[in-house]
Amino acid sequence: MYFFLFVSLHRQARKDLDIALAKVTYMEANYNDVVPRRDFVLLETKSNELLERIKELQDINDNQSRDIEHIRTQNE
């Protein structure tokens, strides 16, 4: 009797293990390349800061280009 109980429990444990492995495989296949939320928020904040800095530098560059062009036209 204990043998049959052991075999039955072993079969159920094997089924549960197979189901768990299938879930893990599914999660790895579908969510392996997902960025964790905290990392996403940090990266988004850093990206926004860098975009603002790029805009500032572009404005500076535009102003300097205008100044250079103005000086060129004065010296011609």
C-alpha atoms as a PDB file:
ATOM      1  CA  MET A   1       0.000   0.000   0.000  1.00  0.00           C
ATOM      2  CA  TYR A   2       2.813   2.442   0.831  1.00  0.00           C
ATOM      3  CA  PHE A   3       4.415   1.668  -2.501  1.00  0.00           C
ATOM      4  CA  PHE A   4       1.295   2.694  -4.422  1.00  0.00           C
ATOM      5  CA  LEU A   5       0.990   5.847  -2.340  1.00  0.00           C
ATOM      6  CA  PHE A   6       4.646   6.625  -3.064  1.00  0.00           C
ATOM      7  CA  VAL A   7       4.174   6.019  -6.803  1.00  0.00           C
ATOM      8  CA  SER A   8       1.044   8.165  -6.850  1.00  0.00           C
ATOM      9  CA  LEU A   9       2.757  11.009  -4.989  1.00  0.00           C
ATOM     10  CA  HIS A  10       5.782  10.707  -7.275  1.00  0.00           C
ATOM     11  CA  ARG A  11       3.574  10.977 -10.368  1.00  0.00           C
ATOM     12  CA  GLN A  12       1.781  14.044  -8.982  1.00  0.00           C
ATOM     13  CA  ALA A  13       5.065  15.659  -8.015  1.00  0.00           C
ATOM     14  CA  ARG A  14       6.393  14.991 -11.518  1.00  0.00           C
ATOM     15  CA  LYS A  15       3.281  16.571 -13.089  1.00  0.00           C
ATOM     16  CA  ASP A  16       3.612  19.625 -10.831  1.00  0.00           C
ATOM     17  CA  LEU A  17       7.298  19.903 -11.714  1.00  0.00           C
ATOM     18  CA  ASP A  18       6.519  19.706 -15.433  1.00  0.00           C
ATOM     19  CA  ILE A  19       3.878  22.435 -15.080  1.00  0.00           C
ATOM     20  CA  ALA A  20       6.279  24.653 -13.126  1.00  0.00           C
ATOM     21  CA  LEU A  21       9.033  24.130 -15.707  1.00  0.00           C
ATOM     22  CA  ALA A  22       6.617  24.964 -18.515  1.00  0.00           C
ATOM     23  CA  LYS A  23       5.681  28.214 -16.742  1.00  0.00           C
ATOM     24  CA  VAL A  24       9.331  29.137 -16.182  1.00  0.00           C
ATOM     25  CA  THR A  25      10.167  28.386 -19.809  1.00  0.00           C
ATOM     26  CA  TYR A  26       7.222  30.506 -20.966  1.00  0.00           C
ATOM     27  CA  MET A  27       8.240  33.405 -18.720  1.00  0.00           C
ATOM     28  CA  GLU A  28      11.874  33.236 -19.878  1.00  0.00           C
ATOM     29  CA  ALA A  29      10.829  33.155 -23.530  1.00  0.00           C
ATOM     30  CA  ASN A  30       8.401  36.059 -23.275  1.00  0.00           C
ATOM     31  CA  TYR A  31       9.797  38.298 -20.546  1.00  0.00           C
ATOM     32  CA  ASN A  32      13.555  37.749 -20.675  1.00  0.00           C
ATOM     33  CA  ASP A  33      14.203  41.023 -22.494  1.00  0.00           C
ATOM     34  CA  VAL A  34      11.907  43.181 -20.337  1.00  0.00           C
ATOM     35  CA  VAL A  35      13.595  45.957 -18.360  1.00  0.00           C
ATOM     36  CA  PRO A  36      12.642  46.114 -14.674  1.00  0.00           C
ATOM     37  CA  ARG A  37      10.455  49.120 -13.835  1.00  0.00           C
ATOM     38  CA  ARG A  38      12.967  50.775 -11.478  1.00  0.00           C
ATOM     39  CA  ASP A  39      15.672  50.569 -14.151  1.00  0.00           C
ATOM     40  CA  PHE A  40      13.267  51.950 -16.752  1.00  0.00           C
ATOM     41  CA  VAL A  41      12.373  54.924 -14.564  1.00  0.00           C
ATOM     42  CA  LEU A  42      16.043  55.702 -13.896  1.00  0.00           C
ATOM     43  CA  LEU A  43      16.927  55.403 -17.585  1.00  0.00           C
ATOM     44  CA  GLU A  44      13.963  57.534 -18.618  1.00  0.00           C
ATOM     45  CA  THR A  45      14.962  60.267 -16.163  1.00  0.00           C
ATOM     46  CA  LYS A  46      18.571  60.190 -17.358  1.00  0.00           C
ATOM     47  CA  SER A  47      17.408  60.252 -20.985  1.00  0.00           C
ATOM     48  CA  ASN A  48      15.233  63.305 -20.362  1.00  0.00           C
ATOM     49  CA  GLU A  49      18.106  65.099 -18.630  1.00  0.00           C
ATOM     50  CA  LEU A  50      20.405  64.349 -21.544  1.00  0.00           C
ATOM     51  CA  LEU A  51      17.818  65.533 -24.068  1.00  0.00           C
ATOM     52  CA  GLU A  52      17.544  68.830 -22.213  1.00  0.00           C
ATOM     53  CA  ARG A  53      21.324  69.153 -22.209  1.00  0.00           C
ATOM     54  CA  ILE A  54      21.427  68.446 -25.952  1.00  0.00           C
ATOM     55  CA  LYS A  55      18.867  71.201 -26.550  1.00  0.00           C
ATOM     56  CA  GLU A  56      20.943  73.630 -24.492  1.00  0.00           C
ATOM     57  CA  LEU A  57      24.097  72.726 -26.408  1.00  0.00           C
ATOM     58  CA  GLN A  58      22.295  73.067 -29.737  1.00  0.00           C
ATOM     59  CA  ASP A  59      21.136  76.544 -28.743  1.00  0.00           C
ATOM     60  CA  ILE A  60      24.680  77.477 -27.771  1.00  0.00           C
ATOM     61  CA  ASN A  61      25.980  76.087 -31.049  1.00  0.00           C
ATOM     62  CA  ASP A  62      23.366  77.992 -33.053  1.00  0.00           C
ATOM     63  CA  ASN A  63      24.236  81.222 -31.255  1.00  0.00           C
ATOM     64  CA  GLN A  64      27.941  80.741 -31.847  1.00  0.00           C
ATOM     65  CA  SER A  65      27.351  79.890 -35.508  1.00  0.00           C
ATOM     66  CA  ARG A  66      25.368  83.108 -35.905  1.00  0.00           C
ATOM     67  CA  ASP A  67      28.098  85.075 -34.164  1.00  0.00           C
ATOM     68  CA  ILE A  68      30.771  83.565 -36.393  1.00  0.00           C
ATOM     69  CA  GLU A  69      28.739  84.299 -39.507  1.00  0.00           C
ATOM     70  CA  HIS A  70      28.171  87.852 -38.307  1.00  0.00           C
ATOM     71  CA  ILE A  71      31.897  88.353 -37.734  1.00  0.00           C
ATOM     72  CA  ARG A  72      32.683  86.921 -41.188  1.00  0.00           C
ATOM     73  CA  THR A  73      30.282  89.286 -42.889  1.00  0.00           C
ATOM     74  CA  GLN A  74      31.764  92.235 -40.979  1.00  0.00           C
ATOM     75  CA  ASN A  75      35.310  91.373 -42.061  1.00  0.00           C
ATOM     76  CA  GLU A  76      34.551  90.983 -45.746  1.00  0.00           C
END
